[in-house]
Amino acid sequence: MQDKMSSYLEELKKLHIPRYHELPEIELYMDQLIEYLNGRFAPFQIDEKDKITAAMVNNYVKSKIIPPTVKKRYSKNHVAYLIVICVFKQIYPISKIMEMIKIQKKTFTTEKAYDYFCVELENALVSAFSMSGNLSIDTSNSMQEERLFVRASVNSFAQKLLVEKYLQFKLEEMAEKEE
């Protein structure tokens, strides 16, 4: 099992969540959006329930968590919002995510808030799976207190993923021994 955890840590060290300027420049249709998001989130998916679906995206638009589409196409802003939502929905109810997004929007541009989220998430994942017990260093140049709930949230997600992966690998190991 230790080999699987080490291998997964190496995968996380190479993980690069696309920054705002790296998100697709062209607007995406729903099927393209779903394919893009599920491709990016494959390392975080434990099972089928973790996959993003068109129904989920439609519900986020109807609930006004993300802005409405223009001619059924999703922009760079939509993609950024959805990436954040896909991570945070694993640890928070949608209502809390909406509140966090509102606070971030009042304090930072979408690009700045999203890019900070990406860097902090990558660092939190490597830190959690390194099992040092230490949190990653805050990469913010801002001393805005709003950065703290982003850091706490990505660290919570990383710890949750660590437990889920540990259980997954342990159960696989136990099943192999039974064969």
N, C-alpha and C. Protein backbone atom coordinates (compact mmCIF):
# COMPACT_ATOMS: atom_id res chain seq x y z
N MET A 1 0.81 -1.19 0.00
CA MET A 1 0.00 0.00 0.00
C MET A 1 0.86 1.26 0.00
N GLN A 2 1.98 1.19 0.69
CA GLN A 2 2.88 2.35 0.75
C GLN A 2 3.35 2.74 -0.66
N ASP A 3 3.54 1.72 -1.51
CA ASP A 3 3.95 2.00 -2.89
C ASP A 3 2.87 2.80 -3.63
N LYS A 4 1.61 2.43 -3.40
CA LYS A 4 0.51 3.15 -4.05
C LYS A 4 0.43 4.59 -3.55
N MET A 5 0.61 4.78 -2.25
CA MET A 5 0.57 6.13 -1.69
C MET A 5 1.74 6.96 -2.23
N SER A 6 2.90 6.36 -2.31
CA SER A 6 4.07 7.08 -2.84
C SER A 6 3.87 7.43 -4.31
N SER A 7 3.31 6.50 -5.05
CA SER A 7 3.04 6.73 -6.46
C SER A 7 2.03 7.86 -6.64
N TYR A 8 1.00 7.86 -5.80
CA TYR A 8 -0.02 8.90 -5.88
C TYR A 8 0.58 10.25 -5.51
N LEU A 9 1.46 10.29 -4.52
CA LEU A 9 2.15 11.53 -4.15
C LEU A 9 2.95 12.06 -5.33
N GLU A 10 3.63 11.17 -6.03
CA GLU A 10 4.41 11.61 -7.21
C GLU A 10 3.48 12.18 -8.28
N GLU A 11 2.31 11.57 -8.44
CA GLU A 11 1.31 12.09 -9.39
C GLU A 11 0.86 13.49 -8.96
N LEU A 12 0.65 13.67 -7.67
CA LEU A 12 0.21 14.98 -7.17
C LEU A 12 1.30 16.04 -7.32
N LYS A 13 2.55 15.64 -7.17
CA LYS A 13 3.65 16.60 -7.33
C LYS A 13 3.71 17.13 -8.76
N LYS A 14 3.26 16.33 -9.71
CA LYS A 14 3.24 16.74 -11.12
C LYS A 14 1.95 17.44 -11.50
N LEU A 15 0.96 17.35 -10.62
CA LEU A 15 -0.35 17.93 -10.91
C LEU A 15 -0.25 19.43 -11.09
N HIS A 16 -0.87 19.89 -12.15
CA HIS A 16 -0.94 21.33 -12.40
C HIS A 16 -2.38 21.68 -12.72
N ILE A 17 -3.01 22.40 -11.82
CA ILE A 17 -4.36 22.87 -12.08
C ILE A 17 -4.21 24.10 -12.95
N PRO A 18 -4.89 24.13 -14.10
CA PRO A 18 -4.68 25.25 -15.01
C PRO A 18 -5.04 26.59 -14.36
N ARG A 19 -4.15 27.54 -14.51
CA ARG A 19 -4.40 28.89 -14.01
C ARG A 19 -5.40 29.57 -14.94
N TYR A 20 -5.89 30.68 -14.50
CA TYR A 20 -6.95 31.37 -15.23
C TYR A 20 -6.56 31.60 -16.70
N HIS A 21 -5.35 32.07 -16.92
CA HIS A 21 -4.91 32.36 -18.30
C HIS A 21 -4.71 31.08 -19.13
N GLU A 22 -4.69 29.93 -18.48
CA GLU A 22 -4.52 28.65 -19.18
C GLU A 22 -5.85 27.95 -19.46
N LEU A 23 -6.93 28.48 -18.92
CA LEU A 23 -8.24 27.89 -19.19
C LEU A 23 -8.60 28.10 -20.66
N PRO A 24 -9.47 27.28 -21.20
CA PRO A 24 -9.80 27.40 -22.63
C PRO A 24 -10.25 28.81 -23.01
N GLU A 25 -9.64 29.32 -24.05
CA GLU A 25 -10.00 30.65 -24.55
C GLU A 25 -11.35 30.63 -25.27
N ILE A 26 -11.61 29.51 -25.94
CA ILE A 26 -12.88 29.42 -26.65
C ILE A 26 -13.97 28.99 -25.68
N GLU A 27 -15.17 29.41 -25.96
CA GLU A 27 -16.29 29.01 -25.11
C GLU A 27 -16.65 27.57 -25.43
N LEU A 28 -17.03 26.84 -24.40
CA LEU A 28 -17.29 25.41 -24.54
C LEU A 28 -18.78 25.11 -24.48
N TYR A 29 -19.18 24.11 -25.24
CA TYR A 29 -20.53 23.57 -25.11
C TYR A 29 -20.52 22.58 -23.96
N MET A 30 -21.70 22.22 -23.49
CA MET A 30 -21.82 21.37 -22.30
C MET A 30 -20.98 20.11 -22.37
N ASP A 31 -21.04 19.36 -23.48
CA ASP A 31 -20.29 18.10 -23.55
C ASP A 31 -18.78 18.35 -23.49
N GLN A 32 -18.32 19.44 -24.10
CA GLN A 32 -16.90 19.78 -24.03
C GLN A 32 -16.51 20.17 -22.61
N LEU A 33 -17.37 20.92 -21.95
CA LEU A 33 -17.13 21.36 -20.58
C LEU A 33 -17.01 20.16 -19.65
N ILE A 34 -17.95 19.22 -19.75
CA ILE A 34 -17.95 18.03 -18.90
C ILE A 34 -16.68 17.21 -19.13
N GLU A 35 -16.32 17.03 -20.37
CA GLU A 35 -15.10 16.28 -20.69
C GLU A 35 -13.87 16.97 -20.12
N TYR A 36 -13.80 18.28 -20.27
CA TYR A 36 -12.67 19.06 -19.76
C TYR A 36 -12.56 18.94 -18.24
N LEU A 37 -13.67 19.16 -17.55
CA LEU A 37 -13.65 19.12 -16.08
C LEU A 37 -13.34 17.73 -15.55
N ASN A 38 -13.97 16.70 -16.09
CA ASN A 38 -13.70 15.35 -15.61
C ASN A 38 -12.27 14.92 -15.91
N GLY A 39 -11.72 15.39 -17.02
CA GLY A 39 -10.32 15.10 -17.33
C GLY A 39 -9.38 15.73 -16.32
N ARG A 40 -9.67 16.95 -15.94
CA ARG A 40 -8.84 17.67 -14.97
C ARG A 40 -8.97 17.09 -13.57
N PHE A 41 -10.14 16.53 -13.26
CA PHE A 41 -10.38 16.06 -11.90
C PHE A 41 -10.20 14.57 -11.73
N ALA A 42 -9.72 13.89 -12.73
CA ALA A 42 -9.51 12.44 -12.61
C ALA A 42 -8.68 12.07 -11.38
N PRO A 43 -7.60 12.80 -11.04
CA PRO A 43 -6.83 12.41 -9.85
C PRO A 43 -7.60 12.51 -8.53
N PHE A 44 -8.69 13.27 -8.51
CA PHE A 44 -9.46 13.46 -7.28
C PHE A 44 -10.69 12.56 -7.21
N GLN A 45 -10.97 11.82 -8.26
CA GLN A 45 -12.19 11.03 -8.31
C GLN A 45 -11.93 9.64 -7.74
N ILE A 46 -12.68 9.34 -6.69
CA ILE A 46 -12.57 8.03 -6.06
C ILE A 46 -13.49 7.05 -6.77
N ASP A 47 -14.71 7.51 -7.10
CA ASP A 47 -15.66 6.66 -7.81
C ASP A 47 -16.56 7.51 -8.69
N GLU A 48 -17.54 6.89 -9.29
CA GLU A 48 -18.42 7.57 -10.25
C GLU A 48 -19.17 8.77 -9.66
N LYS A 49 -19.47 8.74 -8.37
CA LYS A 49 -20.21 9.84 -7.76
C LYS A 49 -19.43 11.15 -7.79
N ASP A 50 -18.12 11.07 -7.98
CA ASP A 50 -17.28 12.26 -7.99
C ASP A 50 -17.21 12.92 -9.37
N LYS A 51 -17.78 12.29 -10.39
CA LYS A 51 -17.74 12.86 -11.74
C LYS A 51 -18.74 14.00 -11.87
N ILE A 52 -18.37 14.95 -12.70
CA ILE A 52 -19.23 16.10 -12.97
C ILE A 52 -20.19 15.72 -14.08
N THR A 53 -21.45 16.08 -13.92
CA THR A 53 -22.46 15.77 -14.94
C THR A 53 -23.11 17.04 -15.44
N ALA A 54 -23.77 16.92 -16.58
CA ALA A 54 -24.51 18.05 -17.15
C ALA A 54 -25.61 18.51 -16.20
N ALA A 55 -26.26 17.56 -15.53
CA ALA A 55 -27.32 17.91 -14.58
C ALA A 55 -26.77 18.78 -13.45
N MET A 56 -25.59 18.45 -12.96
CA MET A 56 -24.97 19.26 -11.90
C MET A 56 -24.74 20.68 -12.38
N VAL A 57 -24.14 20.79 -13.54
CA VAL A 57 -23.83 22.11 -14.09
C VAL A 57 -25.12 22.91 -14.29
N ASN A 58 -26.12 22.28 -14.85
CA ASN A 58 -27.41 22.96 -15.04
C ASN A 58 -28.00 23.43 -13.72
N ASN A 59 -27.88 22.62 -12.70
CA ASN A 59 -28.38 23.01 -11.37
C ASN A 59 -27.61 24.21 -10.81
N TYR A 60 -26.30 24.26 -11.05
CA TYR A 60 -25.51 25.39 -10.58
C TYR A 60 -25.92 26.68 -11.28
N VAL A 61 -26.26 26.58 -12.57
CA VAL A 61 -26.72 27.75 -13.30
C VAL A 61 -28.10 28.17 -12.78
N LYS A 62 -29.02 27.21 -12.63
CA LYS A 62 -30.37 27.51 -12.14
C LYS A 62 -30.34 28.10 -10.74
N SER A 63 -29.42 27.61 -9.92
CA SER A 63 -29.30 28.09 -8.54
C SER A 63 -28.53 29.41 -8.45
N LYS A 64 -28.04 29.87 -9.59
CA LYS A 64 -27.28 31.13 -9.68
C LYS A 64 -25.95 31.07 -8.93
N ILE A 65 -25.40 29.87 -8.82
CA ILE A 65 -24.06 29.72 -8.24
C ILE A 65 -23.04 30.18 -9.27
N ILE A 66 -23.33 29.87 -10.51
CA ILE A 66 -22.50 30.37 -11.62
C ILE A 66 -23.40 31.21 -12.52
N PRO A 67 -22.80 32.15 -13.24
CA PRO A 67 -23.61 33.01 -14.11
C PRO A 67 -24.26 32.22 -15.24
N PRO A 68 -25.35 32.75 -15.78
CA PRO A 68 -25.99 32.06 -16.90
C PRO A 68 -25.07 32.03 -18.13
N THR A 69 -25.30 31.04 -18.96
CA THR A 69 -24.49 30.92 -20.18
C THR A 69 -24.97 31.91 -21.24
N VAL A 70 -24.13 32.10 -22.22
CA VAL A 70 -24.50 32.90 -23.38
C VAL A 70 -24.54 31.94 -24.56
N LYS A 71 -25.71 31.79 -25.14
CA LYS A 71 -25.92 30.87 -26.27
C LYS A 71 -25.45 29.45 -25.94
N LYS A 72 -25.72 29.03 -24.71
CA LYS A 72 -25.40 27.68 -24.24
C LYS A 72 -23.90 27.35 -24.27
N ARG A 73 -23.09 28.40 -24.18
CA ARG A 73 -21.64 28.18 -24.16
C ARG A 73 -21.06 28.69 -22.85
N TYR A 74 -20.05 27.98 -22.38
CA TYR A 74 -19.44 28.25 -21.10
C TYR A 74 -18.08 28.93 -21.31
N SER A 75 -17.91 30.05 -20.62
CA SER A 75 -16.70 30.87 -20.76
C SER A 75 -15.63 30.42 -19.77
N LYS A 76 -14.52 31.09 -19.85
CA LYS A 76 -13.40 30.88 -18.94
C LYS A 76 -13.84 31.08 -17.48
N ASN A 77 -14.67 32.10 -17.24
CA ASN A 77 -15.18 32.34 -15.88
C ASN A 77 -16.00 31.16 -15.38
N HIS A 78 -16.85 30.61 -16.24
CA HIS A 78 -17.64 29.45 -15.86
C HIS A 78 -16.73 28.28 -15.46
N VAL A 79 -15.72 28.05 -16.26
CA VAL A 79 -14.80 26.93 -15.99
C VAL A 79 -14.11 27.13 -14.63
N ALA A 80 -13.64 28.35 -14.37
CA ALA A 80 -12.98 28.64 -13.10
C ALA A 80 -13.93 28.40 -11.93
N TYR A 81 -15.13 28.92 -12.02
CA TYR A 81 -16.13 28.72 -10.97
C TYR A 81 -16.37 27.23 -10.75
N LEU A 82 -16.54 26.50 -11.84
CA LEU A 82 -16.87 25.07 -11.72
C LEU A 82 -15.73 24.26 -11.11
N ILE A 83 -14.51 24.63 -11.41
CA ILE A 83 -13.38 23.92 -10.81
C ILE A 83 -13.39 24.12 -9.29
N VAL A 84 -13.60 25.35 -8.87
CA VAL A 84 -13.66 25.64 -7.43
C VAL A 84 -14.83 24.89 -6.79
N ILE A 85 -15.98 24.96 -7.42
CA ILE A 85 -17.17 24.29 -6.89
C ILE A 85 -16.95 22.78 -6.79
N CYS A 86 -16.33 22.19 -7.81
CA CYS A 86 -16.11 20.73 -7.81
C CYS A 86 -15.22 20.28 -6.65
N VAL A 87 -14.29 21.11 -6.25
CA VAL A 87 -13.44 20.77 -5.10
C VAL A 87 -14.21 21.00 -3.81
N PHE A 88 -14.77 22.18 -3.66
CA PHE A 88 -15.41 22.54 -2.40
C PHE A 88 -16.70 21.77 -2.12
N LYS A 89 -17.37 21.28 -3.16
CA LYS A 89 -18.62 20.53 -2.92
C LYS A 89 -18.33 19.20 -2.22
N GLN A 90 -17.09 18.81 -2.22
CA GLN A 90 -16.71 17.57 -1.52
C GLN A 90 -16.68 17.76 0.00
N ILE A 91 -16.64 19.03 0.43
CA ILE A 91 -16.55 19.28 1.88
C ILE A 91 -17.60 20.25 2.41
N TYR A 92 -18.27 20.99 1.53
CA TYR A 92 -19.25 21.98 1.97
C TYR A 92 -20.56 21.84 1.20
N PRO A 93 -21.66 22.25 1.85
CA PRO A 93 -22.92 22.33 1.09
C PRO A 93 -22.83 23.50 0.10
N ILE A 94 -23.60 23.41 -0.95
CA ILE A 94 -23.58 24.43 -2.00
C ILE A 94 -23.84 25.83 -1.44
N SER A 95 -24.72 25.95 -0.46
CA SER A 95 -25.03 27.27 0.11
C SER A 95 -23.78 27.94 0.69
N LYS A 96 -22.91 27.16 1.33
CA LYS A 96 -21.66 27.71 1.89
C LYS A 96 -20.70 28.10 0.77
N ILE A 97 -20.65 27.31 -0.27
CA ILE A 97 -19.78 27.63 -1.40
C ILE A 97 -20.22 28.94 -2.04
N MET A 98 -21.53 29.12 -2.17
CA MET A 98 -22.05 30.38 -2.72
C MET A 98 -21.62 31.57 -1.88
N GLU A 99 -21.68 31.43 -0.56
CA GLU A 99 -21.27 32.51 0.33
C GLU A 99 -19.78 32.81 0.18
N MET A 100 -18.97 31.76 0.09
CA MET A 100 -17.52 31.97 -0.07
C MET A 100 -17.21 32.66 -1.38
N ILE A 101 -17.89 32.26 -2.44
CA ILE A 101 -17.67 32.90 -3.74
C ILE A 101 -18.05 34.37 -3.69
N LYS A 102 -19.17 34.70 -3.06
CA LYS A 102 -19.60 36.10 -2.92
C LYS A 102 -18.54 36.93 -2.20
N ILE A 103 -18.02 36.40 -1.12
CA ILE A 103 -16.99 37.11 -0.35
C ILE A 103 -15.75 37.31 -1.20
N GLN A 104 -15.32 36.27 -1.88
CA GLN A 104 -14.12 36.39 -2.73
C GLN A 104 -14.32 37.42 -3.83
N LYS A 105 -15.50 37.42 -4.45
CA LYS A 105 -15.79 38.36 -5.54
C LYS A 105 -15.75 39.81 -5.07
N LYS A 106 -16.11 40.05 -3.81
CA LYS A 106 -16.08 41.41 -3.28
C LYS A 106 -14.66 41.87 -2.98
N THR A 107 -13.76 40.93 -2.80
CA THR A 107 -12.40 41.25 -2.38
C THR A 107 -11.38 41.16 -3.51
N PHE A 108 -11.55 40.19 -4.40
CA PHE A 108 -10.56 39.92 -5.44
C PHE A 108 -11.23 39.77 -6.80
N THR A 109 -10.44 39.92 -7.85
CA THR A 109 -10.94 39.60 -9.19
C THR A 109 -11.08 38.08 -9.28
N THR A 110 -11.89 37.62 -10.21
CA THR A 110 -12.05 36.18 -10.40
C THR A 110 -10.70 35.54 -10.70
N GLU A 111 -9.94 36.18 -11.56
CA GLU A 111 -8.63 35.64 -11.94
C GLU A 111 -7.70 35.50 -10.74
N LYS A 112 -7.61 36.54 -9.92
CA LYS A 112 -6.71 36.50 -8.76
C LYS A 112 -7.17 35.45 -7.74
N ALA A 113 -8.46 35.43 -7.43
CA ALA A 113 -8.99 34.47 -6.46
C ALA A 113 -8.80 33.04 -6.96
N TYR A 114 -9.08 32.81 -8.23
CA TYR A 114 -8.98 31.47 -8.80
C TYR A 114 -7.52 31.00 -8.81
N ASP A 115 -6.61 31.85 -9.26
CA ASP A 115 -5.20 31.46 -9.32
C ASP A 115 -4.65 31.14 -7.93
N TYR A 116 -5.05 31.92 -6.93
CA TYR A 116 -4.63 31.65 -5.55
C TYR A 116 -5.16 30.29 -5.10
N PHE A 117 -6.41 30.02 -5.39
CA PHE A 117 -7.02 28.73 -5.08
C PHE A 117 -6.19 27.60 -5.69
N CYS A 118 -5.82 27.73 -6.96
CA CYS A 118 -5.06 26.67 -7.65
C CYS A 118 -3.72 26.40 -6.98
N VAL A 119 -2.97 27.45 -6.70
CA VAL A 119 -1.66 27.29 -6.08
C VAL A 119 -1.80 26.66 -4.69
N GLU A 120 -2.73 27.18 -3.92
CA GLU A 120 -2.92 26.66 -2.56
C GLU A 120 -3.39 25.21 -2.57
N LEU A 121 -4.26 24.85 -3.52
CA LEU A 121 -4.73 23.47 -3.60
C LEU A 121 -3.58 22.52 -3.96
N GLU A 122 -2.81 22.89 -4.96
CA GLU A 122 -1.67 22.04 -5.34
C GLU A 122 -0.73 21.83 -4.15
N ASN A 123 -0.41 22.92 -3.44
CA ASN A 123 0.49 22.83 -2.29
C ASN A 123 -0.12 22.01 -1.15
N ALA A 124 -1.41 22.20 -0.90
CA ALA A 124 -2.08 21.46 0.18
C ALA A 124 -2.08 19.96 -0.10
N LEU A 125 -2.31 19.58 -1.34
CA LEU A 125 -2.33 18.16 -1.70
C LEU A 125 -0.97 17.51 -1.49
N VAL A 126 0.08 18.17 -1.96
CA VAL A 126 1.43 17.62 -1.79
C VAL A 126 1.77 17.55 -0.31
N SER A 127 1.43 18.59 0.43
CA SER A 127 1.71 18.62 1.86
C SER A 127 0.98 17.49 2.59
N ALA A 128 -0.30 17.30 2.30
CA ALA A 128 -1.09 16.25 2.96
C ALA A 128 -0.53 14.87 2.66
N PHE A 129 -0.24 14.60 1.40
CA PHE A 129 0.21 13.26 1.01
C PHE A 129 1.68 13.01 1.34
N SER A 130 2.41 14.06 1.67
CA SER A 130 3.78 13.89 2.17
C SER A 130 3.76 13.39 3.60
N MET A 131 2.59 13.54 4.22
CA MET A 131 2.33 13.08 5.59
C MET A 131 3.33 13.64 6.61
N SER A 132 3.75 14.87 6.38
CA SER A 132 4.66 15.52 7.32
C SER A 132 3.90 16.12 8.50
N GLY A 133 2.60 16.33 8.30
CA GLY A 133 1.80 16.96 9.35
C GLY A 133 1.84 18.48 9.28
N ASN A 134 2.67 19.01 8.39
CA ASN A 134 2.79 20.46 8.26
C ASN A 134 1.88 20.98 7.15
N LEU A 135 1.32 22.15 7.37
CA LEU A 135 0.56 22.81 6.30
C LEU A 135 1.54 23.48 5.35
N SER A 136 1.12 23.62 4.12
CA SER A 136 1.96 24.31 3.15
C SER A 136 2.06 25.79 3.51
N ILE A 137 3.05 26.45 2.97
CA ILE A 137 3.27 27.88 3.22
C ILE A 137 2.25 28.69 2.44
N ASP A 138 1.71 29.72 3.06
CA ASP A 138 0.74 30.60 2.40
C ASP A 138 1.44 31.37 1.29
N THR A 139 0.93 31.26 0.08
CA THR A 139 1.56 31.91 -1.07
C THR A 139 0.97 33.28 -1.38
N SER A 140 0.04 33.73 -0.56
CA SER A 140 -0.62 35.01 -0.82
C SER A 140 0.30 36.18 -0.53
N ASN A 141 0.24 37.17 -1.41
CA ASN A 141 0.94 38.44 -1.16
C ASN A 141 0.01 39.39 -0.42
N SER A 142 -1.23 39.00 -0.35
CA SER A 142 -2.26 39.81 0.29
C SER A 142 -2.39 39.40 1.75
N MET A 143 -2.64 40.32 2.58
CA MET A 143 -2.88 39.97 3.98
C MET A 143 -4.39 40.00 4.26
N GLN A 144 -5.19 39.95 3.19
CA GLN A 144 -6.64 39.93 3.35
C GLN A 144 -7.04 38.67 4.10
N GLU A 145 -7.92 38.81 5.07
CA GLU A 145 -8.33 37.65 5.85
C GLU A 145 -9.13 36.65 5.02
N GLU A 146 -9.68 37.07 3.88
CA GLU A 146 -10.45 36.16 3.03
C GLU A 146 -9.60 35.01 2.50
N ARG A 147 -8.31 35.18 2.47
CA ARG A 147 -7.44 34.10 2.00
C ARG A 147 -7.45 32.92 2.96
N LEU A 148 -7.77 33.18 4.24
CA LEU A 148 -7.71 32.14 5.25
C LEU A 148 -8.73 31.04 5.02
N PHE A 149 -9.94 31.40 4.59
CA PHE A 149 -10.91 30.31 4.39
C PHE A 149 -10.60 29.53 3.12
N VAL A 150 -9.90 30.14 2.18
CA VAL A 150 -9.46 29.38 1.00
C VAL A 150 -8.42 28.36 1.44
N ARG A 151 -7.45 28.82 2.22
CA ARG A 151 -6.40 27.90 2.70
C ARG A 151 -6.99 26.79 3.57
N ALA A 152 -7.85 27.15 4.49
CA ALA A 152 -8.45 26.14 5.36
C ALA A 152 -9.26 25.14 4.54
N SER A 153 -9.96 25.64 3.53
CA SER A 153 -10.80 24.77 2.71
C SER A 153 -9.98 23.82 1.86
N VAL A 154 -8.95 24.31 1.20
CA VAL A 154 -8.14 23.41 0.36
C VAL A 154 -7.40 22.40 1.23
N ASN A 155 -7.00 22.81 2.43
CA ASN A 155 -6.35 21.86 3.32
C ASN A 155 -7.34 20.80 3.81
N SER A 156 -8.58 21.21 4.07
CA SER A 156 -9.62 20.24 4.45
C SER A 156 -9.86 19.25 3.32
N PHE A 157 -9.95 19.76 2.10
CA PHE A 157 -10.14 18.88 0.94
C PHE A 157 -8.98 17.90 0.82
N ALA A 158 -7.74 18.41 0.96
CA ALA A 158 -6.56 17.55 0.82
C ALA A 158 -6.56 16.45 1.89
N GLN A 159 -6.93 16.78 3.11
CA GLN A 159 -6.96 15.79 4.18
C GLN A 159 -8.06 14.76 3.93
N LYS A 160 -9.20 15.20 3.45
CA LYS A 160 -10.30 14.29 3.13
C LYS A 160 -9.87 13.33 2.02
N LEU A 161 -9.23 13.86 0.99
CA LEU A 161 -8.76 13.02 -0.12
C LEU A 161 -7.71 12.03 0.37
N LEU A 162 -6.85 12.46 1.27
CA LEU A 162 -5.84 11.57 1.85
C LEU A 162 -6.51 10.36 2.52
N VAL A 163 -7.52 10.61 3.32
CA VAL A 163 -8.22 9.53 4.00
C VAL A 163 -8.91 8.61 2.99
N GLU A 164 -9.58 9.20 1.99
CA GLU A 164 -10.28 8.40 0.99
C GLU A 164 -9.32 7.55 0.18
N LYS A 165 -8.20 8.11 -0.21
CA LYS A 165 -7.21 7.34 -0.98
C LYS A 165 -6.59 6.25 -0.12
N TYR A 166 -6.31 6.57 1.14
CA TYR A 166 -5.75 5.56 2.04
C TYR A 166 -6.72 4.38 2.14
N LEU A 167 -7.99 4.68 2.37
CA LEU A 167 -9.00 3.61 2.47
C LEU A 167 -9.10 2.81 1.17
N GLN A 168 -9.10 3.52 0.05
CA GLN A 168 -9.18 2.85 -1.25
C GLN A 168 -8.00 1.90 -1.43
N PHE A 169 -6.79 2.38 -1.18
CA PHE A 169 -5.61 1.54 -1.37
C PHE A 169 -5.57 0.39 -0.36
N LYS A 170 -5.99 0.64 0.86
CA LYS A 170 -5.99 -0.39 1.90
C LYS A 170 -6.99 -1.50 1.55
N LEU A 171 -8.18 -1.11 1.11
CA LEU A 171 -9.19 -2.10 0.73
C LEU A 171 -8.72 -2.91 -0.48
N GLU A 172 -8.06 -2.27 -1.44
CA GLU A 172 -7.53 -2.99 -2.59
C GLU A 172 -6.47 -3.99 -2.14
N GLU A 173 -5.61 -3.56 -1.23
CA GLU A 173 -4.57 -4.44 -0.71
C GLU A 173 -5.17 -5.65 0.01
N MET A 174 -6.19 -5.41 0.82
CA MET A 174 -6.84 -6.50 1.54
C MET A 174 -7.52 -7.47 0.58
N ALA A 175 -8.14 -6.95 -0.47
CA ALA A 175 -8.79 -7.80 -1.46
C ALA A 175 -7.77 -8.65 -2.20
N GLU A 176 -6.61 -8.08 -2.51
CA GLU A 176 -5.55 -8.83 -3.20
C GLU A 176 -5.04 -9.97 -2.33
N LYS A 177 -4.94 -9.74 -1.03
CA LYS A 177 -4.45 -10.78 -0.11
C LYS A 177 -5.45 -11.91 0.04
N GLU A 178 -6.73 -11.61 -0.11
CA GLU A 178 -7.77 -12.62 0.01
C GLU A 178 -7.84 -13.54 -1.20
N GLU A 179 -7.32 -13.07 -2.32
CA GLU A 179 -7.40 -13.86 -3.57
C GLU A 179 -6.47 -15.02 -3.58
